[in-house]
Amino acid sequence: MNITGMDLNLLLVFEALVEERSVTRAASRIGLSQPAMSNALTRLRRTFDDPIMTRTGGAMIPTPTALALIAPVRGALAQLRQAFEEK
């Protein structure tokens, strides 16, 4: 995958969705409206050609692709957060 055209803000959305397992809670966590978060999830799904999160019963469950991506995404975001906190 080429990240040149990717909105890197989607990585924050991805992290929040996987950790919160709820569109509403993830939206609140990063300061988006629920419709904006749903739109971002749709963009993530298109970007990765994967559902990313699936509804099972009343819960949102990360797909195997999401689970494989979360560790490297968390690591990258942690490095960015650290770099900006040092400024």
PDB file of N, CA and C in Angstrom:
ATOM      1  N   MET A   1       0.836  -1.179   0.000  1.00  0.00           N
ATOM      2  CA  MET A   1       0.000   0.000   0.000  1.00  0.00           C
ATOM      3  C   MET A   1       0.882   1.244   0.000  1.00  0.00           C
ATOM      4  N   ASN A   2       0.510   2.199  -0.802  1.00  0.00           N
ATOM      5  CA  ASN A   2       1.214   3.467  -0.887  1.00  0.00           C
ATOM      6  C   ASN A   2       0.465   4.491  -0.036  1.00  0.00           C
ATOM      7  N   ILE A   3       1.137   5.090   0.949  1.00  0.00           N
ATOM      8  CA  ILE A   3       0.446   6.031   1.844  1.00  0.00           C
ATOM      9  C   ILE A   3       0.464   7.466   1.320  1.00  0.00           C
ATOM     10  N   THR A   4       1.005   7.678   0.137  1.00  0.00           N
ATOM     11  CA  THR A   4       1.118   9.022  -0.402  1.00  0.00           C
ATOM     12  C   THR A   4      -0.215   9.764  -0.406  1.00  0.00           C
ATOM     13  N   GLY A   5      -1.277   9.129  -0.826  1.00  0.00           N
ATOM     14  CA  GLY A   5      -2.574   9.790  -0.904  1.00  0.00           C
ATOM     15  C   GLY A   5      -3.459   9.560   0.304  1.00  0.00           C
ATOM     16  N   MET A   6      -2.934   8.894   1.321  1.00  0.00           N
ATOM     17  CA  MET A   6      -3.755   8.560   2.490  1.00  0.00           C
ATOM     18  C   MET A   6      -3.821   9.727   3.464  1.00  0.00           C
ATOM     19  N   ASP A   7      -5.000   9.960   3.999  1.00  0.00           N
ATOM     20  CA  ASP A   7      -5.184  10.947   5.062  1.00  0.00           C
ATOM     21  C   ASP A   7      -4.664  10.308   6.352  1.00  0.00           C
ATOM     22  N   LEU A   8      -3.531  10.776   6.843  1.00  0.00           N
ATOM     23  CA  LEU A   8      -2.913  10.153   8.017  1.00  0.00           C
ATOM     24  C   LEU A   8      -3.721  10.373   9.292  1.00  0.00           C
ATOM     25  N   ASN A   9      -4.677  11.303   9.273  1.00  0.00           N
ATOM     26  CA  ASN A   9      -5.591  11.438  10.410  1.00  0.00           C
ATOM     27  C   ASN A   9      -6.429  10.179  10.596  1.00  0.00           C
ATOM     28  N   LEU A  10      -6.567   9.409   9.528  1.00  0.00           N
ATOM     29  CA  LEU A  10      -7.310   8.153   9.635  1.00  0.00           C
ATOM     30  C   LEU A  10      -6.627   7.165  10.577  1.00  0.00           C
ATOM     31  N   LEU A  11      -5.325   7.326  10.787  1.00  0.00           N
ATOM     32  CA  LEU A  11      -4.639   6.443  11.736  1.00  0.00           C
ATOM     33  C   LEU A  11      -5.115   6.685  13.159  1.00  0.00           C
ATOM     34  N   LEU A  12      -5.404   7.942  13.503  1.00  0.00           N
ATOM     35  CA  LEU A  12      -5.974   8.255  14.816  1.00  0.00           C
ATOM     36  C   LEU A  12      -7.370   7.651  14.946  1.00  0.00           C
ATOM     37  N   VAL A  13      -8.132   7.743  13.881  1.00  0.00           N
ATOM     38  CA  VAL A  13      -9.476   7.155  13.848  1.00  0.00           C
ATOM     39  C   VAL A  13      -9.379   5.646  14.030  1.00  0.00           C
ATOM     40  N   PHE A  14      -8.473   5.034  13.293  1.00  0.00           N
ATOM     41  CA  PHE A  14      -8.285   3.583  13.358  1.00  0.00           C
ATOM     42  C   PHE A  14      -7.936   3.144  14.781  1.00  0.00           C
ATOM     43  N   GLU A  15      -6.973   3.827  15.388  1.00  0.00           N
ATOM     44  CA  GLU A  15      -6.559   3.482  16.747  1.00  0.00           C
ATOM     45  C   GLU A  15      -7.741   3.592  17.715  1.00  0.00           C
ATOM     46  N   ALA A  16      -8.476   4.680  17.637  1.00  0.00           N
ATOM     47  CA  ALA A  16      -9.614   4.888  18.541  1.00  0.00           C
ATOM     48  C   ALA A  16     -10.688   3.831  18.326  1.00  0.00           C
ATOM     49  N   LEU A  17     -10.979   3.493  17.083  1.00  0.00           N
ATOM     50  CA  LEU A  17     -12.000   2.480  16.811  1.00  0.00           C
ATOM     51  C   LEU A  17     -11.614   1.116  17.368  1.00  0.00           C
ATOM     52  N   VAL A  18     -10.379   0.723  17.141  1.00  0.00           N
ATOM     53  CA  VAL A  18      -9.940  -0.594  17.619  1.00  0.00           C
ATOM     54  C   VAL A  18      -9.931  -0.634  19.143  1.00  0.00           C
ATOM     55  N   GLU A  19      -9.495   0.433  19.772  1.00  0.00           N
ATOM     56  CA  GLU A  19      -9.419   0.447  21.233  1.00  0.00           C
ATOM     57  C   GLU A  19     -10.790   0.601  21.886  1.00  0.00           C
ATOM     58  N   GLU A  20     -11.642   1.437  21.324  1.00  0.00           N
ATOM     59  CA  GLU A  20     -12.953   1.690  21.926  1.00  0.00           C
ATOM     60  C   GLU A  20     -14.003   0.655  21.520  1.00  0.00           C
ATOM     61  N   ARG A  21     -13.833   0.088  20.330  1.00  0.00           N
ATOM     62  CA  ARG A  21     -14.782  -0.887  19.780  1.00  0.00           C
ATOM     63  C   ARG A  21     -16.206  -0.343  19.733  1.00  0.00           C
ATOM     64  N   SER A  22     -16.284   0.943  19.483  1.00  0.00           N
ATOM     65  CA  SER A  22     -17.561   1.646  19.381  1.00  0.00           C
ATOM     66  C   SER A  22     -17.338   2.905  18.563  1.00  0.00           C
ATOM     67  N   VAL A  23     -18.162   3.107  17.554  1.00  0.00           N
ATOM     68  CA  VAL A  23     -18.045   4.309  16.731  1.00  0.00           C
ATOM     69  C   VAL A  23     -18.329   5.551  17.582  1.00  0.00           C
ATOM     70  N   THR A  24     -19.344   5.477  18.413  1.00  0.00           N
ATOM     71  CA  THR A  24     -19.721   6.630  19.237  1.00  0.00           C
ATOM     72  C   THR A  24     -18.631   6.990  20.236  1.00  0.00           C
ATOM     73  N   ARG A  25     -18.095   5.998  20.956  1.00  0.00           N
ATOM     74  CA  ARG A  25     -17.032   6.277  21.940  1.00  0.00           C
ATOM     75  C   ARG A  25     -15.756   6.733  21.257  1.00  0.00           C
ATOM     76  N   ALA A  26     -15.419   6.133  20.113  1.00  0.00           N
ATOM     77  CA  ALA A  26     -14.220   6.551  19.373  1.00  0.00           C
ATOM     78  C   ALA A  26     -14.362   7.989  18.897  1.00  0.00           C
ATOM     79  N   ALA A  27     -15.552   8.352  18.431  1.00  0.00           N
ATOM     80  CA  ALA A  27     -15.797   9.728  17.981  1.00  0.00           C
ATOM     81  C   ALA A  27     -15.613  10.708  19.122  1.00  0.00           C
ATOM     82  N   SER A  28     -16.177  10.381  20.270  1.00  0.00           N
ATOM     83  CA  SER A  28     -16.055  11.250  21.444  1.00  0.00           C
ATOM     84  C   SER A  28     -14.604  11.394  21.868  1.00  0.00           C
ATOM     85  N   ARG A  29     -13.882  10.298  21.818  1.00  0.00           N
ATOM     86  CA  ARG A  29     -12.477  10.284  22.246  1.00  0.00           C
ATOM     87  C   ARG A  29     -11.618  11.237  21.432  1.00  0.00           C
ATOM     88  N   ILE A  30     -11.862  11.315  20.135  1.00  0.00           N
ATOM     89  CA  ILE A  30     -10.990  12.161  19.311  1.00  0.00           C
ATOM     90  C   ILE A  30     -11.664  13.453  18.853  1.00  0.00           C
ATOM     91  N   GLY A  31     -12.854  13.715  19.364  1.00  0.00           N
ATOM     92  CA  GLY A  31     -13.494  14.991  19.105  1.00  0.00           C
ATOM     93  C   GLY A  31     -14.210  15.106  17.776  1.00  0.00           C
ATOM     94  N   LEU A  32     -14.734  14.006  17.285  1.00  0.00           N
ATOM     95  CA  LEU A  32     -15.519  14.031  16.055  1.00  0.00           C
ATOM     96  C   LEU A  32     -16.977  13.750  16.384  1.00  0.00           C
ATOM     97  N   SER A  33     -17.859  14.130  15.491  1.00  0.00           N
ATOM     98  CA  SER A  33     -19.252  13.737  15.628  1.00  0.00           C
ATOM     99  C   SER A  33     -19.370  12.265  15.237  1.00  0.00           C
ATOM    100  N   GLN A  34     -20.448  11.631  15.643  1.00  0.00           N
ATOM    101  CA  GLN A  34     -20.654  10.224  15.280  1.00  0.00           C
ATOM    102  C   GLN A  34     -20.758  10.057  13.758  1.00  0.00           C
ATOM    103  N   PRO A  35     -21.479  10.941  13.050  1.00  0.00           N
ATOM    104  CA  PRO A  35     -21.506  10.802  11.590  1.00  0.00           C
ATOM    105  C   PRO A  35     -20.123  10.974  10.937  1.00  0.00           C
ATOM    106  N   ALA A  36     -19.317  11.893  11.467  1.00  0.00           N
ATOM    107  CA  ALA A  36     -17.960  12.085  10.920  1.00  0.00           C
ATOM    108  C   ALA A  36     -17.114  10.837  11.150  1.00  0.00           C
ATOM    109  N   MET A  37     -17.266  10.205  12.317  1.00  0.00           N
ATOM    110  CA  MET A  37     -16.519   8.979  12.603  1.00  0.00           C
ATOM    111  C   MET A  37     -16.982   7.854  11.676  1.00  0.00           C
ATOM    112  N   SER A  38     -18.280   7.748  11.443  1.00  0.00           N
ATOM    113  CA  SER A  38     -18.789   6.729  10.518  1.00  0.00           C
ATOM    114  C   SER A  38     -18.229   6.949   9.120  1.00  0.00           C
ATOM    115  N   ASN A  39     -18.159   8.208   8.704  1.00  0.00           N
ATOM    116  CA  ASN A  39     -17.577   8.538   7.403  1.00  0.00           C
ATOM    117  C   ASN A  39     -16.103   8.142   7.363  1.00  0.00           C
ATOM    118  N   ALA A  40     -15.375   8.417   8.438  1.00  0.00           N
ATOM    119  CA  ALA A  40     -13.951   8.052   8.495  1.00  0.00           C
ATOM    120  C   ALA A  40     -13.782   6.537   8.444  1.00  0.00           C
ATOM    121  N   LEU A  41     -14.668   5.797   9.110  1.00  0.00           N
ATOM    122  CA  LEU A  41     -14.605   4.329   9.056  1.00  0.00           C
ATOM    123  C   LEU A  41     -14.825   3.848   7.628  1.00  0.00           C
ATOM    124  N   THR A  42     -15.746   4.465   6.927  1.00  0.00           N
ATOM    125  CA  THR A  42     -15.971   4.114   5.519  1.00  0.00           C
ATOM    126  C   THR A  42     -14.710   4.357   4.702  1.00  0.00           C
ATOM    127  N   ARG A  43     -14.045   5.479   4.952  1.00  0.00           N
ATOM    128  CA  ARG A  43     -12.791   5.777   4.232  1.00  0.00           C
ATOM    129  C   ARG A  43     -11.704   4.764   4.583  1.00  0.00           C
ATOM    130  N   LEU A  44     -11.619   4.377   5.869  1.00  0.00           N
ATOM    131  CA  LEU A  44     -10.648   3.344   6.267  1.00  0.00           C
ATOM    132  C   LEU A  44     -10.929   2.035   5.536  1.00  0.00           C
ATOM    133  N   ARG A  45     -12.187   1.674   5.463  1.00  0.00           N
ATOM    134  CA  ARG A  45     -12.571   0.420   4.791  1.00  0.00           C
ATOM    135  C   ARG A  45     -12.158   0.442   3.333  1.00  0.00           C
ATOM    136  N   ARG A  46     -12.354   1.572   2.669  1.00  0.00           N
ATOM    137  CA  ARG A  46     -11.929   1.693   1.266  1.00  0.00           C
ATOM    138  C   ARG A  46     -10.407   1.652   1.149  1.00  0.00           C
ATOM    139  N   THR A  47      -9.735   2.353   2.038  1.00  0.00           N
ATOM    140  CA  THR A  47      -8.276   2.427   1.995  1.00  0.00           C
ATOM    141  C   THR A  47      -7.643   1.048   2.137  1.00  0.00           C
ATOM    142  N   PHE A  48      -8.138   0.270   3.095  1.00  0.00           N
ATOM    143  CA  PHE A  48      -7.543  -1.035   3.374  1.00  0.00           C
ATOM    144  C   PHE A  48      -8.257  -2.193   2.679  1.00  0.00           C
ATOM    145  N   ASP A  49      -9.326  -1.887   1.942  1.00  0.00           N
ATOM    146  CA  ASP A  49     -10.108  -2.922   1.273  1.00  0.00           C
ATOM    147  C   ASP A  49     -10.465  -4.040   2.258  1.00  0.00           C
ATOM    148  N   ASP A  50     -10.959  -3.611   3.425  1.00  0.00           N
ATOM    149  CA  ASP A  50     -11.277  -4.534   4.515  1.00  0.00           C
ATOM    150  C   ASP A  50     -12.345  -3.858   5.375  1.00  0.00           C
ATOM    151  N   PRO A  51     -13.235  -4.620   5.980  1.00  0.00           N
ATOM    152  CA  PRO A  51     -14.255  -4.009   6.839  1.00  0.00           C
ATOM    153  C   PRO A  51     -13.686  -3.311   8.085  1.00  0.00           C
ATOM    154  N   ILE A  52     -12.483  -3.648   8.513  1.00  0.00           N
ATOM    155  CA  ILE A  52     -11.792  -3.091   9.681  1.00  0.00           C
ATOM    156  C   ILE A  52     -12.498  -3.452  10.991  1.00  0.00           C
ATOM    157  N   MET A  53     -13.783  -3.118  11.094  1.00  0.00           N
ATOM    158  CA  MET A  53     -14.576  -3.466  12.275  1.00  0.00           C
ATOM    159  C   MET A  53     -15.872  -4.119  11.780  1.00  0.00           C
ATOM    160  N   THR A  54     -16.291  -5.191  12.446  1.00  0.00           N
ATOM    161  CA  THR A  54     -17.553  -5.827  12.099  1.00  0.00           C
ATOM    162  C   THR A  54     -18.439  -5.881  13.327  1.00  0.00           C
ATOM    163  N   ARG A  55     -19.730  -5.739  13.109  1.00  0.00           N
ATOM    164  CA  ARG A  55     -20.675  -5.786  14.220  1.00  0.00           C
ATOM    165  C   ARG A  55     -21.031  -7.242  14.499  1.00  0.00           C
ATOM    166  N   THR A  56     -20.814  -7.654  15.743  1.00  0.00           N
ATOM    167  CA  THR A  56     -21.182  -8.986  16.195  1.00  0.00           C
ATOM    168  C   THR A  56     -22.011  -8.799  17.453  1.00  0.00           C
ATOM    169  N   GLY A  57     -23.303  -9.097  17.343  1.00  0.00           N
ATOM    170  CA  GLY A  57     -24.182  -8.814  18.464  1.00  0.00           C
ATOM    171  C   GLY A  57     -24.221  -7.314  18.669  1.00  0.00           C
ATOM    172  N   GLY A  58     -23.919  -6.854  19.876  1.00  0.00           N
ATOM    173  CA  GLY A  58     -23.906  -5.428  20.155  1.00  0.00           C
ATOM    174  C   GLY A  58     -22.525  -4.825  20.146  1.00  0.00           C
ATOM    175  N   ALA A  59     -21.523  -5.590  19.723  1.00  0.00           N
ATOM    176  CA  ALA A  59     -20.139  -5.103  19.803  1.00  0.00           C
ATOM    177  C   ALA A  59     -19.531  -4.957  18.414  1.00  0.00           C
ATOM    178  N   MET A  60     -18.572  -4.046  18.321  1.00  0.00           N
ATOM    179  CA  MET A  60     -17.765  -3.904  17.110  1.00  0.00           C
ATOM    180  C   MET A  60     -16.466  -4.665  17.349  1.00  0.00           C
ATOM    181  N   ILE A  61     -16.168  -5.597  16.467  1.00  0.00           N
ATOM    182  CA  ILE A  61     -14.997  -6.462  16.612  1.00  0.00           C
ATOM    183  C   ILE A  61     -14.005  -6.152  15.492  1.00  0.00           C
ATOM    184  N   PRO A  62     -12.719  -5.946  15.836  1.00  0.00           N
ATOM    185  CA  PRO A  62     -11.716  -5.713  14.782  1.00  0.00           C
ATOM    186  C   PRO A  62     -11.528  -6.962  13.919  1.00  0.00           C
ATOM    187  N   THR A  63     -11.331  -6.755  12.646  1.00  0.00           N
ATOM    188  CA  THR A  63     -11.056  -7.863  11.732  1.00  0.00           C
ATOM    189  C   THR A  63      -9.610  -8.326  11.921  1.00  0.00           C
ATOM    190  N   PRO A  64      -9.255  -9.481  11.366  1.00  0.00           N
ATOM    191  CA  PRO A  64      -7.849  -9.913  11.428  1.00  0.00           C
ATOM    192  C   PRO A  64      -6.886  -8.878  10.834  1.00  0.00           C
ATOM    193  N   THR A  65      -7.297  -8.197   9.782  1.00  0.00           N
ATOM    194  CA  THR A  65      -6.454  -7.152   9.199  1.00  0.00           C
ATOM    195  C   THR A  65      -6.223  -6.026  10.201  1.00  0.00           C
ATOM    196  N   ALA A  66      -7.291  -5.589  10.866  1.00  0.00           N
ATOM    197  CA  ALA A  66      -7.170  -4.520  11.862  1.00  0.00           C
ATOM    198  C   ALA A  66      -6.258  -4.952  12.999  1.00  0.00           C
ATOM    199  N   LEU A  67      -6.414  -6.183  13.443  1.00  0.00           N
ATOM    200  CA  LEU A  67      -5.573  -6.677  14.538  1.00  0.00           C
ATOM    201  C   LEU A  67      -4.104  -6.748  14.129  1.00  0.00           C
ATOM    202  N   ALA A  68      -3.847  -7.070  12.863  1.00  0.00           N
ATOM    203  CA  ALA A  68      -2.463  -7.125  12.377  1.00  0.00           C
ATOM    204  C   ALA A  68      -1.860  -5.733  12.250  1.00  0.00           C
ATOM    205  N   LEU A  69      -2.685  -4.727  11.987  1.00  0.00           N
ATOM    206  CA  LEU A  69      -2.192  -3.367  11.783  1.00  0.00           C
ATOM    207  C   LEU A  69      -2.081  -2.542  13.058  1.00  0.00           C
ATOM    208  N   ILE A  70      -2.819  -2.902  14.102  1.00  0.00           N
ATOM    209  CA  ILE A  70      -2.900  -2.015  15.264  1.00  0.00           C
ATOM    210  C   ILE A  70      -1.551  -1.813  15.951  1.00  0.00           C
ATOM    211  N   ALA A  71      -0.737  -2.837  16.100  1.00  0.00           N
ATOM    212  CA  ALA A  71       0.548  -2.665  16.786  1.00  0.00           C
ATOM    213  C   ALA A  71       1.468  -1.694  16.037  1.00  0.00           C
ATOM    214  N   PRO A  72       1.677  -1.866  14.732  1.00  0.00           N
ATOM    215  CA  PRO A  72       2.532  -0.897  14.043  1.00  0.00           C
ATOM    216  C   PRO A  72       1.943   0.511  14.014  1.00  0.00           C
ATOM    217  N   VAL A  73       0.627   0.632  13.911  1.00  0.00           N
ATOM    218  CA  VAL A  73       0.003   1.958  13.915  1.00  0.00           C
ATOM    219  C   VAL A  73       0.191   2.607  15.282  1.00  0.00           C
ATOM    220  N   ARG A  74      -0.032   1.855  16.350  1.00  0.00           N
ATOM    221  CA  ARG A  74       0.188   2.404  17.703  1.00  0.00           C
ATOM    222  C   ARG A  74       1.630   2.860  17.872  1.00  0.00           C
ATOM    223  N   GLY A  75       2.568   2.061  17.382  1.00  0.00           N
ATOM    224  CA  GLY A  75       3.982   2.419  17.492  1.00  0.00           C
ATOM    225  C   GLY A  75       4.298   3.705  16.757  1.00  0.00           C
ATOM    226  N   ALA A  76       3.776   3.828  15.547  1.00  0.00           N
ATOM    227  CA  ALA A  76       4.021   5.032  14.752  1.00  0.00           C
ATOM    228  C   ALA A  76       3.401   6.258  15.426  1.00  0.00           C
ATOM    229  N   LEU A  77       2.179   6.110  15.920  1.00  0.00           N
ATOM    230  CA  LEU A  77       1.519   7.237  16.594  1.00  0.00           C
ATOM    231  C   LEU A  77       2.233   7.598  17.892  1.00  0.00           C
ATOM    232  N   ALA A  78       2.739   6.611  18.609  1.00  0.00           N
ATOM    233  CA  ALA A  78       3.485   6.885  19.846  1.00  0.00           C
ATOM    234  C   ALA A  78       4.739   7.695  19.536  1.00  0.00           C
ATOM    235  N   GLN A  79       5.437   7.353  18.457  1.00  0.00           N
ATOM    236  CA  GLN A  79       6.627   8.112  18.074  1.00  0.00           C
ATOM    237  C   GLN A  79       6.273   9.542  17.698  1.00  0.00           C
ATOM    238  N   LEU A  80       5.183   9.723  16.978  1.00  0.00           N
ATOM    239  CA  LEU A  80       4.750  11.076  16.611  1.00  0.00           C
ATOM    240  C   LEU A  80       4.352  11.876  17.844  1.00  0.00           C
ATOM    241  N   ARG A  81       3.608  11.251  18.744  1.00  0.00           N
ATOM    242  CA  ARG A  81       3.199  11.952  19.964  1.00  0.00           C
ATOM    243  C   ARG A  81       4.422  12.381  20.768  1.00  0.00           C
ATOM    244  N   GLN A  82       5.395  11.501  20.885  1.00  0.00           N
ATOM    245  CA  GLN A  82       6.605  11.810  21.629  1.00  0.00           C
ATOM    246  C   GLN A  82       7.362  12.942  20.971  1.00  0.00           C
ATOM    247  N   ALA A  83       7.478  12.915  19.662  1.00  0.00           N
ATOM    248  CA  ALA A  83       8.210  13.966  18.942  1.00  0.00           C
ATOM    249  C   ALA A  83       7.558  15.318  19.150  1.00  0.00           C
ATOM    250  N   PHE A  84       6.233  15.377  19.136  1.00  0.00           N
ATOM    251  CA  PHE A  84       5.551  16.649  19.294  1.00  0.00           C
ATOM    252  C   PHE A  84       5.508  17.104  20.742  1.00  0.00           C
ATOM    253  N   GLU A  85       5.555  16.186  21.684  1.00  0.00           N
ATOM    254  CA  GLU A  85       5.587  16.574  23.093  1.00  0.00           C
ATOM    255  C   GLU A  85       6.922  17.183  23.464  1.00  0.00           C
ATOM    256  N   GLU A  86       7.986  16.826  22.769  1.00  0.00           N
ATOM    257  CA  GLU A  86       9.317  17.332  23.062  1.00  0.00           C
ATOM    258  C   GLU A  86       9.501  18.759  22.561  1.00  0.00           C
ATOM    259  N   LYS A  87       8.624  19.245  21.723  1.00  0.00           N
ATOM    260  CA  LYS A  87       8.752  20.595  21.143  1.00  0.00           C
ATOM    261  C   LYS A  87       8.199  21.639  22.068  1.00  0.00           C
TER     262      LYS A  87
END
